């Protein structure tokens, strides 16, 4: 599976990738906080809170075309719903950062192309 759904990113950018870039950067900051909250919730056995956090991350990442991260969030959300710590929990943060970097690079590249036309 590809890391990004670039068609989804393009649809969200609606021809102005430079306007979507700050949203992706904001998602990076917020997502890091959410991942920290998720870790605390799991350590404390607050599975409902963990499920809510994963649901939010899944939705936002799907909206921005970060399909591999979205799929991992979906997988983890299902496991947390069964009150178990996801075996791939440790993969969330690295995949999140890789997805953000890839989306940012894609949008910057398309923003540069758009402004040079």
C-alpha atoms as a PDB file:
ATOM      1  CA  UNK A   1       0.000   0.000   0.000  1.00  0.00           C
ATOM      2  CA  UNK A   2       1.243   3.472  -0.856  1.00  0.00           C
ATOM      3  CA  UNK A   3       2.043   5.871   1.968  1.00  0.00           C
ATOM      4  CA  UNK A   4      -0.194   8.623   0.578  1.00  0.00           C
ATOM      5  CA  UNK A   5      -3.275   8.910  -1.543  1.00  0.00           C
ATOM      6  CA  UNK A   6      -2.047  11.852  -3.609  1.00  0.00           C
ATOM      7  CA  UNK A   7      -5.435  12.170  -5.331  1.00  0.00           C
ATOM      8  CA  UNK A   8      -6.963  12.828  -1.892  1.00  0.00           C
ATOM      9  CA  UNK A   9      -4.260  15.402  -1.113  1.00  0.00           C
ATOM     10  CA  UNK A  10      -4.889  17.086  -4.456  1.00  0.00           C
ATOM     11  CA  UNK A  11      -8.637  17.125  -3.796  1.00  0.00           C
ATOM     12  CA  UNK A  12      -8.086  18.695  -0.372  1.00  0.00           C
ATOM     13  CA  UNK A  13      -5.680  21.251  -1.841  1.00  0.00           C
ATOM     14  CA  UNK A  14      -8.226  22.171  -4.545  1.00  0.00           C
ATOM     15  CA  UNK A  15      -5.524  23.670  -6.742  1.00  0.00           C
ATOM     16  CA  UNK A  16      -3.888  25.639  -3.926  1.00  0.00           C
ATOM     17  CA  UNK A  17      -1.449  23.260  -2.197  1.00  0.00           C
ATOM     18  CA  UNK A  18       0.193  26.176  -0.400  1.00  0.00           C
ATOM     19  CA  UNK A  19      -3.020  26.637   1.610  1.00  0.00           C
ATOM     20  CA  UNK A  20      -3.159  22.991   2.715  1.00  0.00           C
ATOM     21  CA  UNK A  21       0.470  22.967   3.850  1.00  0.00           C
ATOM     22  CA  UNK A  22      -0.152  24.858   7.136  1.00  0.00           C
ATOM     23  CA  UNK A  23      -3.006  22.459   7.929  1.00  0.00           C
ATOM     24  CA  UNK A  24      -0.680  19.473   7.521  1.00  0.00           C
ATOM     25  CA  UNK A  25       1.937  21.189   9.695  1.00  0.00           C
ATOM     26  CA  UNK A  26      -0.719  21.902  12.338  1.00  0.00           C
ATOM     27  CA  UNK A  27      -1.766  18.247  12.171  1.00  0.00           C
ATOM     28  CA  UNK A  28       1.855  17.291  12.854  1.00  0.00           C
ATOM     29  CA  UNK A  29       1.921  19.357  16.060  1.00  0.00           C
ATOM     30  CA  UNK A  30      -1.517  18.228  17.190  1.00  0.00           C
ATOM     31  CA  UNK A  31      -0.876  14.616  16.169  1.00  0.00           C
ATOM     32  CA  UNK A  32       2.263  14.406  18.304  1.00  0.00           C
ATOM     33  CA  UNK A  33       0.253  15.608  21.300  1.00  0.00           C
ATOM     34  CA  UNK A  34      -2.494  13.113  20.512  1.00  0.00           C
ATOM     35  CA  UNK A  35       0.023  10.259  20.288  1.00  0.00           C
ATOM     36  CA  UNK A  36       1.399  11.250  23.717  1.00  0.00           C
ATOM     37  CA  UNK A  37      -2.151  11.308  25.114  1.00  0.00           C
ATOM     38  CA  UNK A  38      -2.780   7.923  23.514  1.00  0.00           C
ATOM     39  CA  UNK A  39       0.285   6.455  25.211  1.00  0.00           C
ATOM     40  CA  UNK A  40      -0.840   7.770  28.605  1.00  0.00           C
ATOM     41  CA  UNK A  41      -4.373   6.473  28.088  1.00  0.00           C
ATOM     42  CA  UNK A  42      -3.093   2.998  27.228  1.00  0.00           C
ATOM     43  CA  UNK A  43      -0.658   2.900  30.156  1.00  0.00           C
ATOM     44  CA  UNK A  44      -3.488   3.924  32.472  1.00  0.00           C
ATOM     45  CA  UNK A  45      -5.909   1.399  30.957  1.00  0.00           C
ATOM     46  CA  UNK A  46      -8.282   4.084  29.668  1.00  0.00           C
ATOM     47  CA  UNK A  47      -9.259   2.175  26.539  1.00  0.00           C
ATOM     48  CA  UNK A  48     -12.282   4.337  25.715  1.00  0.00           C
ATOM     49  CA  UNK A  49     -10.101   7.466  25.692  1.00  0.00           C
ATOM     50  CA  UNK A  50      -7.504   5.627  23.607  1.00  0.00           C
ATOM     51  CA  UNK A  51     -10.192   4.574  21.146  1.00  0.00           C
ATOM     52  CA  UNK A  52     -11.433   8.169  20.838  1.00  0.00           C
ATOM     53  CA  UNK A  53      -7.897   9.437  20.149  1.00  0.00           C
ATOM     54  CA  UNK A  54      -7.266   6.770  17.525  1.00  0.00           C
ATOM     55  CA  UNK A  55     -10.611   7.540  15.916  1.00  0.00           C
ATOM     56  CA  UNK A  56      -9.704  11.231  15.629  1.00  0.00           C
ATOM     57  CA  UNK A  57      -6.244  10.451  14.225  1.00  0.00           C
ATOM     58  CA  UNK A  58      -7.751   7.973  11.773  1.00  0.00           C
ATOM     59  CA  UNK A  59     -10.273  10.498  10.490  1.00  0.00           C
ATOM     60  CA  UNK A  60      -7.847  13.383  10.126  1.00  0.00           C
ATOM     61  CA  UNK A  61      -5.184  11.278   8.441  1.00  0.00           C
ATOM     62  CA  UNK A  62      -7.723   9.790   6.045  1.00  0.00           C
ATOM     63  CA  UNK A  63      -8.975  13.241   5.123  1.00  0.00           C
ATOM     64  CA  UNK A  64      -5.413  14.254   4.272  1.00  0.00           C
ATOM     65  CA  UNK A  65      -4.690  11.119   2.275  1.00  0.00           C
ATOM     66  CA  UNK A  66      -2.261   9.522   4.748  1.00  0.00           C
ATOM     67  CA  UNK A  67      -3.647   6.091   3.980  1.00  0.00           C
ATOM     68  CA  UNK A  68      -1.089   3.809   5.613  1.00  0.00           C
ATOM     69  CA  UNK A  69      -1.265   5.750   8.883  1.00  0.00           C
ATOM     70  CA  UNK A  70      -5.062   5.775   8.647  1.00  0.00           C
ATOM     71  CA  UNK A  71      -5.079   1.989   8.202  1.00  0.00           C
ATOM     72  CA  UNK A  72      -2.764   1.462  11.196  1.00  0.00           C
ATOM     73  CA  UNK A  73      -4.998   3.706  13.317  1.00  0.00           C
ATOM     74  CA  UNK A  74      -8.009   1.635  12.207  1.00  0.00           C
ATOM     75  CA  UNK A  75      -6.201  -1.593  13.146  1.00  0.00           C
ATOM     76  CA  UNK A  76      -5.155  -0.224  16.553  1.00  0.00           C
ATOM     77  CA  UNK A  77      -8.605   1.225  17.191  1.00  0.00           C
ATOM     78  CA  UNK A  78     -10.148  -2.206  16.729  1.00  0.00           C
ATOM     79  CA  UNK A  79      -7.704  -3.751  19.175  1.00  0.00           C
ATOM     80  CA  UNK A  80      -8.198  -1.003  21.753  1.00  0.00           C
ATOM     81  CA  UNK A  81     -11.955  -1.543  21.386  1.00  0.00           C
ATOM     82  CA  UNK A  82     -11.297  -5.068  22.628  1.00  0.00           C
ATOM     83  CA  UNK A  83      -9.342  -3.569  25.544  1.00  0.00           C
ATOM     84  CA  UNK A  84      -5.944  -4.746  24.396  1.00  0.00           C
ATOM     85  CA  UNK A  85      -2.797  -2.755  23.777  1.00  0.00           C
ATOM     86  CA  UNK A  86      -2.153  -2.859  20.027  1.00  0.00           C
ATOM     87  CA  UNK A  87       0.887  -4.980  19.117  1.00  0.00           C
ATOM     88  CA  UNK A  88       1.863  -2.353  16.506  1.00  0.00           C
ATOM     89  CA  UNK A  89       1.443   0.629  18.850  1.00  0.00           C
ATOM     90  CA  UNK A  90       5.168   1.426  18.548  1.00  0.00           C
ATOM     91  CA  UNK A  91       4.744   1.791  14.764  1.00  0.00           C
ATOM     92  CA  UNK A  92       2.268   4.677  15.071  1.00  0.00           C
ATOM     93  CA  UNK A  93       4.676   7.564  15.771  1.00  0.00           C
ATOM     94  CA  UNK A  94       7.291   6.678  13.118  1.00  0.00           C
ATOM     95  CA  UNK A  95       4.607   6.096  10.479  1.00  0.00           C
ATOM     96  CA  UNK A  96       2.895   9.341  11.473  1.00  0.00           C
ATOM     97  CA  UNK A  97       6.118  11.326  11.054  1.00  0.00           C
ATOM     98  CA  UNK A  98       6.915   9.599   7.754  1.00  0.00           C
ATOM     99  CA  UNK A  99       3.405  10.386   6.477  1.00  0.00           C
ATOM    100  CA  UNK A 100       3.634  14.034   7.529  1.00  0.00           C
ATOM    101  CA  UNK A 101       7.057  14.408   5.884  1.00  0.00           C
ATOM    102  CA  UNK A 102       5.814  12.816   2.684  1.00  0.00           C
ATOM    103  CA  UNK A 103       2.634  14.935   2.553  1.00  0.00           C
ATOM    104  CA  UNK A 104       4.616  18.100   3.284  1.00  0.00           C
ATOM    105  CA  UNK A 105       7.142  17.312   0.569  1.00  0.00           C
ATOM    106  CA  UNK A 106       4.384  16.502  -1.929  1.00  0.00           C
ATOM    107  CA  UNK A 107       2.519  19.737  -1.188  1.00  0.00           C
ATOM    108  CA  UNK A 108       5.678  21.858  -1.293  1.00  0.00           C
ATOM    109  CA  UNK A 109       6.623  20.341  -4.641  1.00  0.00           C
ATOM    110  CA  UNK A 110       3.154  20.993  -6.050  1.00  0.00           C
ATOM    111  CA  UNK A 111       3.069  24.477  -4.553  1.00  0.00           C
ATOM    112  CA  UNK A 112       6.346  25.301  -6.301  1.00  0.00           C
ATOM    113  CA  UNK A 113       5.012  23.964  -9.602  1.00  0.00           C
ATOM    114  CA  UNK A 114       1.779  25.893  -9.149  1.00  0.00           C
ATOM    115  CA  UNK A 115       3.565  29.185  -8.439  1.00  0.00           C
ATOM    116  CA  UNK A 116       5.944  28.786 -11.398  1.00  0.00           C
ATOM    117  CA  UNK A 117       3.114  28.444 -13.910  1.00  0.00           C
END
